[in-house]
PDB file of all heavy atoms in Angstrom:
ATOM      1  N   SER A   1       0.822  -1.210   0.002  1.00  0.00           N
ATOM      2  CA  SER A   1      -0.014  -0.002   0.001  1.00  0.00           C
ATOM      3  C   SER A   1       0.846   1.273  -0.001  1.00  0.00           C
ATOM      4  O   SER A   1       0.294   2.375   0.016  1.00  0.00           O
ATOM      5  CB  SER A   1      -0.932  -0.008   1.218  1.00  0.00           C
ATOM      6  OG  SER A   1      -0.178  -0.028   2.399  1.00  0.00           O
ATOM      7  N   ASN A   2       2.163   1.113  -0.038  1.00  0.00           N
ATOM      8  CA  ASN A   2       3.022   2.317  -0.041  1.00  0.00           C
ATOM      9  C   ASN A   2       2.742   3.116  -1.316  1.00  0.00           C
ATOM     10  O   ASN A   2       2.425   2.558  -2.384  1.00  0.00           O
ATOM     11  CB  ASN A   2       4.504   1.907  -0.072  1.00  0.00           C
ATOM     12  CG  ASN A   2       4.894   1.106   1.125  1.00  0.00           C
ATOM     13  OD1 ASN A   2       4.374   0.022   1.341  1.00  0.00           O
ATOM     14  ND2 ASN A   2       5.838   1.591   1.887  1.00  0.00           N
ATOM     15  N   PRO A   3       2.876   4.452  -1.223  1.00  0.00           N
ATOM     16  CA  PRO A   3       2.769   5.250  -2.453  1.00  0.00           C
ATOM     17  C   PRO A   3       3.921   4.867  -3.394  1.00  0.00           C
ATOM     18  O   PRO A   3       5.003   4.548  -2.946  1.00  0.00           O
ATOM     19  CB  PRO A   3       2.947   6.699  -1.958  1.00  0.00           C
ATOM     20  CG  PRO A   3       3.158   6.643  -0.479  1.00  0.00           C
ATOM     21  CD  PRO A   3       3.136   5.224  -0.029  1.00  0.00           C
ATOM     22  N   ILE A   4       3.617   4.861  -4.676  1.00  0.00           N
ATOM     23  CA  ILE A   4       4.603   4.477  -5.688  1.00  0.00           C
ATOM     24  C   ILE A   4       4.800   5.644  -6.652  1.00  0.00           C
ATOM     25  O   ILE A   4       3.850   6.200  -7.182  1.00  0.00           O
ATOM     26  CB  ILE A   4       4.157   3.224  -6.472  1.00  0.00           C
ATOM     27  CG1 ILE A   4       3.921   2.062  -5.526  1.00  0.00           C
ATOM     28  CG2 ILE A   4       5.143   2.890  -7.563  1.00  0.00           C
ATOM     29  CD1 ILE A   4       3.249   0.868  -6.142  1.00  0.00           C
ATOM     30  N   VAL A   5       6.074   6.011  -6.842  1.00  0.00           N
ATOM     31  CA  VAL A   5       6.444   7.042  -7.803  1.00  0.00           C
ATOM     32  C   VAL A   5       7.141   6.336  -8.933  1.00  0.00           C
ATOM     33  O   VAL A   5       8.067   5.534  -8.708  1.00  0.00           O
ATOM     34  CB  VAL A   5       7.386   8.090  -7.174  1.00  0.00           C
ATOM     35  CG1 VAL A   5       7.909   9.046  -8.228  1.00  0.00           C
ATOM     36  CG2 VAL A   5       6.679   8.832  -6.047  1.00  0.00           C
ATOM     37  N   VAL A   6       6.709   6.628 -10.171  1.00  0.00           N
ATOM     38  CA  VAL A   6       7.330   6.006 -11.345  1.00  0.00           C
ATOM     39  C   VAL A   6       8.102   7.057 -12.129  1.00  0.00           C
ATOM     40  O   VAL A   6       7.550   8.099 -12.445  1.00  0.00           O
ATOM     41  CB  VAL A   6       6.257   5.362 -12.258  1.00  0.00           C
ATOM     42  CG1 VAL A   6       6.899   4.746 -13.489  1.00  0.00           C
ATOM     43  CG2 VAL A   6       5.446   4.296 -11.485  1.00  0.00           C
ATOM     44  N   CYS A   7       9.382   6.755 -12.387  1.00  0.00           N
ATOM     45  CA  CYS A   7      10.201   7.599 -13.219  1.00  0.00           C
ATOM     46  C   CYS A   7      10.552   6.764 -14.482  1.00  0.00           C
ATOM     47  O   CYS A   7      10.708   5.556 -14.391  1.00  0.00           O
ATOM     48  CB  CYS A   7      11.481   8.012 -12.521  1.00  0.00           C
ATOM     49  SG  CYS A   7      11.191   9.076 -11.098  1.00  0.00           S
ATOM     50  N   HIS A   8      10.617   7.435 -15.624  1.00  0.00           N
ATOM     51  CA  HIS A   8      10.787   6.712 -16.874  1.00  0.00           C
ATOM     52  C   HIS A   8      12.175   6.762 -17.493  1.00  0.00           C
ATOM     53  O   HIS A   8      12.419   6.188 -18.540  1.00  0.00           O
ATOM     54  CB  HIS A   8       9.721   7.188 -17.873  1.00  0.00           C
ATOM     55  CG  HIS A   8       8.343   6.860 -17.426  1.00  0.00           C
ATOM     56  ND1 HIS A   8       7.486   7.807 -16.908  1.00  0.00           N
ATOM     57  CD2 HIS A   8       7.688   5.683 -17.340  1.00  0.00           C
ATOM     58  CE1 HIS A   8       6.358   7.219 -16.569  1.00  0.00           C
ATOM     59  NE2 HIS A   8       6.449   5.929 -16.799  1.00  0.00           N
ATOM     60  N   ASP A   9      13.091   7.426 -16.815  1.00  0.00           N
ATOM     61  CA  ASP A   9      14.485   7.425 -17.266  1.00  0.00           C
ATOM     62  C   ASP A   9      15.376   7.787 -16.076  1.00  0.00           C
ATOM     63  O   ASP A   9      14.903   8.209 -15.039  1.00  0.00           O
ATOM     64  CB  ASP A   9      14.709   8.364 -18.475  1.00  0.00           C
ATOM     65  CG  ASP A   9      14.404   9.801 -18.182  1.00  0.00           C
ATOM     66  OD1 ASP A   9      14.968  10.372 -17.237  1.00  0.00           O
ATOM     67  OD2 ASP A   9      13.562  10.372 -18.943  1.00  0.00           O
ATOM     68  N   GLY A  10      16.674   7.604 -16.259  1.00  0.00           N
ATOM     69  CA  GLY A  10      17.587   7.846 -15.174  1.00  0.00           C
ATOM     70  C   GLY A  10      17.672   9.286 -14.727  1.00  0.00           C
ATOM     71  O   GLY A  10      17.791   9.593 -13.535  1.00  0.00           O
ATOM     72  N   ALA A  11      17.548  10.193 -15.689  1.00  0.00           N
ATOM     73  CA  ALA A  11      17.588  11.618 -15.334  1.00  0.00           C
ATOM     74  C   ALA A  11      16.395  11.998 -14.472  1.00  0.00           C
ATOM     75  O   ALA A  11      16.572  12.728 -13.480  1.00  0.00           O
ATOM     76  CB  ALA A  11      17.631  12.464 -16.634  1.00  0.00           C
ATOM     77  N   GLU A  12      15.236  11.494 -14.778  1.00  0.00           N
ATOM     78  CA  GLU A  12      14.051  11.802 -13.976  1.00  0.00           C
ATOM     79  C   GLU A  12      14.205  11.197 -12.564  1.00  0.00           C
ATOM     80  O   GLU A  12      13.819  11.787 -11.566  1.00  0.00           O
ATOM     81  CB  GLU A  12      12.796  11.259 -14.633  1.00  0.00           C
ATOM     82  CG  GLU A  12      11.506  11.579 -13.878  1.00  0.00           C
ATOM     83  CD  GLU A  12      10.256  11.008 -14.500  1.00  0.00           C
ATOM     84  OE1 GLU A  12      10.325  10.363 -15.569  1.00  0.00           O
ATOM     85  OE2 GLU A  12       9.201  11.223 -13.901  1.00  0.00           O
ATOM     86  N   ALA A  13      14.778   9.982 -12.490  1.00  0.00           N
ATOM     87  CA  ALA A  13      15.003   9.348 -11.183  1.00  0.00           C
ATOM     88  C   ALA A  13      15.923  10.191 -10.309  1.00  0.00           C
ATOM     89  O   ALA A  13      15.669  10.393  -9.135  1.00  0.00           O
ATOM     90  CB  ALA A  13      15.590   7.963 -11.388  1.00  0.00           C
ATOM     91  N   LEU A  14      16.973  10.731 -10.910  1.00  0.00           N
ATOM     92  CA  LEU A  14      17.882  11.590 -10.155  1.00  0.00           C
ATOM     93  C   LEU A  14      17.197  12.869  -9.733  1.00  0.00           C
ATOM     94  O   LEU A  14      17.432  13.340  -8.614  1.00  0.00           O
ATOM     95  CB  LEU A  14      19.150  11.888 -10.981  1.00  0.00           C
ATOM     96  CG  LEU A  14      20.080  10.707 -11.186  1.00  0.00           C
ATOM     97  CD1 LEU A  14      21.186  11.033 -12.160  1.00  0.00           C
ATOM     98  CD2 LEU A  14      20.662  10.239  -9.854  1.00  0.00           C
ATOM     99  N   GLU A  15      16.349  13.432 -10.573  1.00  0.00           N
ATOM    100  CA  GLU A  15      15.577  14.617 -10.198  1.00  0.00           C
ATOM    101  C   GLU A  15      14.712  14.294  -8.991  1.00  0.00           C
ATOM    102  O   GLU A  15      14.616  15.100  -8.051  1.00  0.00           O
ATOM    103  CB  GLU A  15      14.680  15.087 -11.368  1.00  0.00           C
ATOM    104  CG  GLU A  15      15.429  15.770 -12.460  1.00  0.00           C
ATOM    105  CD  GLU A  15      14.514  16.228 -13.586  1.00  0.00           C
ATOM    106  OE1 GLU A  15      13.290  15.992 -13.536  1.00  0.00           O
ATOM    107  OE2 GLU A  15      15.018  16.875 -14.526  1.00  0.00           O
ATOM    108  N   TYR A  16      14.071  13.118  -8.976  1.00  0.00           N
ATOM    109  CA  TYR A  16      13.214  12.756  -7.838  1.00  0.00           C
ATOM    110  C   TYR A  16      14.048  12.609  -6.574  1.00  0.00           C
ATOM    111  O   TYR A  16      13.728  13.194  -5.543  1.00  0.00           O
ATOM    112  CB  TYR A  16      12.466  11.469  -8.119  1.00  0.00           C
ATOM    113  CG  TYR A  16      11.632  11.057  -6.925  1.00  0.00           C
ATOM    114  CD1 TYR A  16      10.409  11.655  -6.706  1.00  0.00           C
ATOM    115  CD2 TYR A  16      12.077  10.129  -6.016  1.00  0.00           C
ATOM    116  CE1 TYR A  16       9.640  11.335  -5.585  1.00  0.00           C
ATOM    117  CE2 TYR A  16      11.344   9.784  -4.900  1.00  0.00           C
ATOM    118  CZ  TYR A  16      10.115  10.412  -4.676  1.00  0.00           C
ATOM    119  OH  TYR A  16       9.379  10.099  -3.587  1.00  0.00           O
ATOM    120  N   VAL A  17      15.129  11.849  -6.653  1.00  0.00           N
ATOM    121  CA  VAL A  17      15.939  11.571  -5.452  1.00  0.00           C
ATOM    122  C   VAL A  17      16.532  12.848  -4.883  1.00  0.00           C
ATOM    123  O   VAL A  17      16.523  13.028  -3.648  1.00  0.00           O
ATOM    124  CB  VAL A  17      17.047  10.555  -5.809  1.00  0.00           C
ATOM    125  CG1 VAL A  17      18.058  10.446  -4.663  1.00  0.00           C
ATOM    126  CG2 VAL A  17      16.454   9.180  -6.085  1.00  0.00           C
ATOM    127  N   PHE A  18      16.994  13.752  -5.735  1.00  0.00           N
ATOM    128  CA  PHE A  18      17.681  14.932  -5.274  1.00  0.00           C
ATOM    129  C   PHE A  18      16.777  16.169  -5.220  1.00  0.00           C
ATOM    130  O   PHE A  18      17.233  17.257  -4.861  1.00  0.00           O
ATOM    131  CB  PHE A  18      18.924  15.208  -6.132  1.00  0.00           C
ATOM    132  CG  PHE A  18      19.969  14.128  -5.943  1.00  0.00           C
ATOM    133  CD1 PHE A  18      20.216  13.221  -6.979  1.00  0.00           C
ATOM    134  CD2 PHE A  18      20.641  13.975  -4.763  1.00  0.00           C
ATOM    135  CE1 PHE A  18      21.143  12.225  -6.824  1.00  0.00           C
ATOM    136  CE2 PHE A  18      21.569  12.951  -4.589  1.00  0.00           C
ATOM    137  CZ  PHE A  18      21.825  12.095  -5.616  1.00  0.00           C
ATOM    138  N   GLY A  19      15.487  16.012  -5.542  1.00  0.00           N
ATOM    139  CA  GLY A  19      14.525  17.136  -5.437  1.00  0.00           C
ATOM    140  C   GLY A  19      14.840  18.262  -6.360  1.00  0.00           C
ATOM    141  O   GLY A  19      14.719  19.430  -5.971  1.00  0.00           O
ATOM    142  N   THR A  20      15.153  17.942  -7.627  1.00  0.00           N
ATOM    143  CA  THR A  20      15.419  18.986  -8.629  1.00  0.00           C
ATOM    144  C   THR A  20      14.443  18.838  -9.777  1.00  0.00           C
ATOM    145  O   THR A  20      13.606  17.923  -9.803  1.00  0.00           O
ATOM    146  CB  THR A  20      16.862  18.865  -9.150  1.00  0.00           C
ATOM    147  OG1 THR A  20      17.041  17.593  -9.777  1.00  0.00           O
ATOM    148  CG2 THR A  20      17.868  19.018  -8.046  1.00  0.00           C
ATOM    149  N   GLY A  21      14.560  19.740 -10.767  1.00  0.00           N
ATOM    150  CA  GLY A  21      13.678  19.670 -11.971  1.00  0.00           C
ATOM    151  C   GLY A  21      12.220  19.658 -11.596  1.00  0.00           C
ATOM    152  O   GLY A  21      11.781  20.454 -10.756  1.00  0.00           O
ATOM    153  N   LYS A  22      11.470  18.734 -12.175  1.00  0.00           N
ATOM    154  CA  LYS A  22      10.035  18.701 -11.904  1.00  0.00           C
ATOM    155  C   LYS A  22       9.722  18.271 -10.482  1.00  0.00           C
ATOM    156  O   LYS A  22       8.582  18.396 -10.033  1.00  0.00           O
ATOM    157  CB  LYS A  22       9.321  17.840 -12.935  1.00  0.00           C
ATOM    158  CG  LYS A  22       9.439  16.363 -12.775  1.00  0.00           C
ATOM    159  CD  LYS A  22       8.714  15.646 -13.922  1.00  0.00           C
ATOM    160  CE  LYS A  22       8.134  14.316 -13.508  1.00  0.00           C
ATOM    161  NZ  LYS A  22       7.408  13.664 -14.591  1.00  0.00           N
ATOM    162  N   TYR A  23      10.708  17.792  -9.738  1.00  0.00           N
ATOM    163  CA  TYR A  23      10.528  17.422  -8.337  1.00  0.00           C
ATOM    164  C   TYR A  23      11.101  18.448  -7.373  1.00  0.00           C
ATOM    165  O   TYR A  23      11.295  18.167  -6.188  1.00  0.00           O
ATOM    166  CB  TYR A  23      11.110  16.037  -8.063  1.00  0.00           C
ATOM    167  CG  TYR A  23      10.401  14.961  -8.873  1.00  0.00           C
ATOM    168  CD1 TYR A  23      11.001  14.453 -10.048  1.00  0.00           C
ATOM    169  CD2 TYR A  23       9.194  14.440  -8.496  1.00  0.00           C
ATOM    170  CE1 TYR A  23      10.384  13.478 -10.803  1.00  0.00           C
ATOM    171  CE2 TYR A  23       8.555  13.464  -9.234  1.00  0.00           C
ATOM    172  CZ  TYR A  23       9.155  12.986 -10.401  1.00  0.00           C
ATOM    173  OH  TYR A  23       8.526  12.027 -11.109  1.00  0.00           O
ATOM    174  N   ALA A  24      11.420  19.628  -7.877  1.00  0.00           N
ATOM    175  CA  ALA A  24      11.979  20.703  -7.031  1.00  0.00           C
ATOM    176  C   ALA A  24      11.009  20.981  -5.889  1.00  0.00           C
ATOM    177  O   ALA A  24       9.817  21.070  -6.090  1.00  0.00           O
ATOM    178  CB  ALA A  24      12.238  21.960  -7.852  1.00  0.00           C
ATOM    179  N   GLY A  25      11.541  21.075  -4.695  1.00  0.00           N
ATOM    180  CA  GLY A  25      10.734  21.342  -3.538  1.00  0.00           C
ATOM    181  C   GLY A  25      10.273  20.084  -2.798  1.00  0.00           C
ATOM    182  O   GLY A  25       9.738  20.139  -1.703  1.00  0.00           O
ATOM    183  N   ARG A  26      10.530  18.896  -3.398  1.00  0.00           N
ATOM    184  CA  ARG A  26      10.187  17.646  -2.724  1.00  0.00           C
ATOM    185  C   ARG A  26      11.091  17.522  -1.499  1.00  0.00           C
ATOM    186  O   ARG A  26      12.261  17.887  -1.538  1.00  0.00           O
ATOM    187  CB  ARG A  26      10.438  16.468  -3.657  1.00  0.00           C
ATOM    188  CG  ARG A  26      10.024  15.143  -3.092  1.00  0.00           C
ATOM    189  CD  ARG A  26      10.414  13.983  -3.980  1.00  0.00           C
ATOM    190  NE  ARG A  26      11.779  13.558  -3.798  1.00  0.00           N
ATOM    191  CZ  ARG A  26      12.259  12.845  -2.760  1.00  0.00           C
ATOM    192  NH1 ARG A  26      11.437  12.508  -1.783  1.00  0.00           N
ATOM    193  NH2 ARG A  26      13.511  12.499  -2.695  1.00  0.00           N
ATOM    194  N   ASN A  27      10.550  17.044  -0.397  1.00  0.00           N
ATOM    195  CA  ASN A  27      11.352  16.839   0.801  1.00  0.00           C
ATOM    196  C   ASN A  27      12.307  15.661   0.594  1.00  0.00           C
ATOM    197  O   ASN A  27      11.907  14.495   0.690  1.00  0.00           O
ATOM    198  CB  ASN A  27      10.441  16.580   2.003  1.00  0.00           C
ATOM    199  CG  ASN A  27      11.219  16.434   3.292  1.00  0.00           C
ATOM    200  OD1 ASN A  27      12.444  16.480   3.320  1.00  0.00           O
ATOM    201  ND2 ASN A  27      10.514  16.222   4.375  1.00  0.00           N
ATOM    202  N   VAL A  28      13.571  15.978   0.284  1.00  0.00           N
ATOM    203  CA  VAL A  28      14.534  14.902  -0.011  1.00  0.00           C
ATOM    204  C   VAL A  28      14.917  14.083   1.213  1.00  0.00           C
ATOM    205  O   VAL A  28      15.549  13.051   1.090  1.00  0.00           O
ATOM    206  CB  VAL A  28      15.783  15.474  -0.706  1.00  0.00           C
ATOM    207  CG1 VAL A  28      15.434  16.081  -2.067  1.00  0.00           C
ATOM    208  CG2 VAL A  28      16.475  16.524   0.147  1.00  0.00           C
ATOM    209  N   ALA A  29      14.532  14.553   2.394  1.00  0.00           N
ATOM    210  CA  ALA A  29      14.759  13.751   3.604  1.00  0.00           C
ATOM    211  C   ALA A  29      13.873  12.510   3.609  1.00  0.00           C
ATOM    212  O   ALA A  29      14.174  11.536   4.283  1.00  0.00           O
ATOM    213  CB  ALA A  29      14.515  14.609   4.845  1.00  0.00           C
ATOM    214  N   GLU A  30      12.799  12.576   2.863  1.00  0.00           N
ATOM    215  CA  GLU A  30      11.906  11.417   2.734  1.00  0.00           C
ATOM    216  C   GLU A  30      12.367  10.546   1.592  1.00  0.00           C
ATOM    217  O   GLU A  30      11.886  10.584   0.471  1.00  0.00           O
ATOM    218  CB  GLU A  30      10.452  11.877   2.504  1.00  0.00           C
ATOM    219  CG  GLU A  30       9.860  12.627   3.682  1.00  0.00           C
ATOM    220  CD  GLU A  30       8.439  13.100   3.424  1.00  0.00           C
ATOM    221  OE1 GLU A  30       7.806  12.703   2.419  1.00  0.00           O
ATOM    222  OE2 GLU A  30       7.990  13.894   4.237  1.00  0.00           O
ATOM    223  N   PHE A  31      13.398   9.746   1.891  1.00  0.00           N
ATOM    224  CA  PHE A  31      14.030   8.877   0.917  1.00  0.00           C
ATOM    225  C   PHE A  31      13.153   7.640   0.687  1.00  0.00           C
ATOM    226  O   PHE A  31      12.541   7.142   1.610  1.00  0.00           O
ATOM    227  CB  PHE A  31      15.421   8.476   1.417  1.00  0.00           C
ATOM    228  CG  PHE A  31      16.327   8.043   0.307  1.00  0.00           C
ATOM    229  CD1 PHE A  31      16.877   8.955  -0.569  1.00  0.00           C
ATOM    230  CD2 PHE A  31      16.636   6.696   0.148  1.00  0.00           C
ATOM    231  CE1 PHE A  31      17.712   8.550  -1.578  1.00  0.00           C
ATOM    232  CE2 PHE A  31      17.484   6.306  -0.865  1.00  0.00           C
ATOM    233  CZ  PHE A  31      18.010   7.210  -1.731  1.00  0.00           C
ATOM    234  N   PRO A  32      13.059   7.149  -0.540  1.00  0.00           N
ATOM    235  CA  PRO A  32      12.234   5.967  -0.796  1.00  0.00           C
ATOM    236  C   PRO A  32      12.638   4.791   0.052  1.00  0.00           C
ATOM    237  O   PRO A  32      13.824   4.571   0.322  1.00  0.00           O
ATOM    238  CB  PRO A  32      12.479   5.656  -2.286  1.00  0.00           C
ATOM    239  CG  PRO A  32      12.986   6.936  -2.857  1.00  0.00           C
ATOM    240  CD  PRO A  32      13.712   7.634  -1.765  1.00  0.00           C
ATOM    241  N   ALA A  33      11.641   3.992   0.461  1.00  0.00           N
ATOM    242  CA  ALA A  33      11.916   2.786   1.233  1.00  0.00           C
ATOM    243  C   ALA A  33      12.615   1.770   0.342  1.00  0.00           C
ATOM    244  O   ALA A  33      13.509   1.059   0.785  1.00  0.00           O
ATOM    245  CB  ALA A  33      10.592   2.209   1.765  1.00  0.00           C
ATOM    246  N   VAL A  34      12.189   1.698  -0.908  1.00  0.00           N
ATOM    247  CA  VAL A  34      12.731   0.764  -1.897  1.00  0.00           C
ATOM    248  C   VAL A  34      12.789   1.459  -3.233  1.00  0.00           C
ATOM    249  O   VAL A  34      11.881   2.200  -3.586  1.00  0.00           O
ATOM    250  CB  VAL A  34      11.812  -0.494  -2.002  1.00  0.00           C
ATOM    251  CG1 VAL A  34      12.287  -1.421  -3.107  1.00  0.00           C
ATOM    252  CG2 VAL A  34      11.709  -1.239  -0.669  1.00  0.00           C
ATOM    253  N   THR A  35      13.853   1.178  -3.961  1.00  0.00           N
ATOM    254  CA  THR A  35      13.965   1.652  -5.323  1.00  0.00           C
ATOM    255  C   THR A  35      14.114   0.455  -6.241  1.00  0.00           C
ATOM    256  O   THR A  35      15.048  -0.349  -6.057  1.00  0.00           O
ATOM    257  CB  THR A  35      15.163   2.599  -5.501  1.00  0.00           C
ATOM    258  OG1 THR A  35      14.985   3.740  -4.632  1.00  0.00           O
ATOM    259  CG2 THR A  35      15.286   3.084  -6.931  1.00  0.00           C
ATOM    260  N   LEU A  36      13.176   0.282  -7.169  1.00  0.00           N
ATOM    261  CA  LEU A  36      13.262  -0.731  -8.192  1.00  0.00           C
ATOM    262  C   LEU A  36      13.796  -0.076  -9.446  1.00  0.00           C
ATOM    263  O   LEU A  36      13.157   0.767 -10.048  1.00  0.00           O
ATOM    264  CB  LEU A  36      11.879  -1.352  -8.432  1.00  0.00           C
ATOM    265  CG  LEU A  36      11.170  -1.890  -7.203  1.00  0.00           C
ATOM    266  CD1 LEU A  36       9.743  -2.307  -7.528  1.00  0.00           C
ATOM    267  CD2 LEU A  36      11.935  -3.072  -6.638  1.00  0.00           C
ATOM    268  N   LEU A  37      15.043  -0.416  -9.785  1.00  0.00           N
ATOM    269  CA  LEU A  37      15.783   0.358 -10.794  1.00  0.00           C
ATOM    270  C   LEU A  37      16.191  -0.509 -11.975  1.00  0.00           C
ATOM    271  O   LEU A  37      16.979  -1.462 -11.850  1.00  0.00           O
ATOM    272  CB  LEU A  37      17.036   0.926 -10.096  1.00  0.00           C
ATOM    273  CG  LEU A  37      18.020   1.709 -10.916  1.00  0.00           C
ATOM    274  CD1 LEU A  37      17.381   2.993 -11.477  1.00  0.00           C
ATOM    275  CD2 LEU A  37      19.261   2.077 -10.079  1.00  0.00           C
ATOM    276  N   ASP A  38      15.656  -0.201 -13.128  1.00  0.00           N
ATOM    277  CA  ASP A  38      16.058  -0.827 -14.390  1.00  0.00           C
ATOM    278  C   ASP A  38      17.513  -0.354 -14.675  1.00  0.00           C
ATOM    279  O   ASP A  38      17.849   0.817 -14.427  1.00  0.00           O
ATOM    280  CB  ASP A  38      15.140  -0.378 -15.516  1.00  0.00           C
ATOM    281  CG  ASP A  38      15.388  -1.063 -16.835  1.00  0.00           C
ATOM    282  OD1 ASP A  38      16.363  -1.841 -16.946  1.00  0.00           O
ATOM    283  OD2 ASP A  38      14.610  -0.799 -17.783  1.00  0.00           O
TER     284      ASP A  38
END
């Protein structure tokens, strides 16, 4: 039931993890519990 965030390329994944680009302002202290990485 955990929330799931889907990124479609490596650049977008890095934006999510580091809170940049379209994920600017995301609380980067809230690190994903699990990352399923192609």
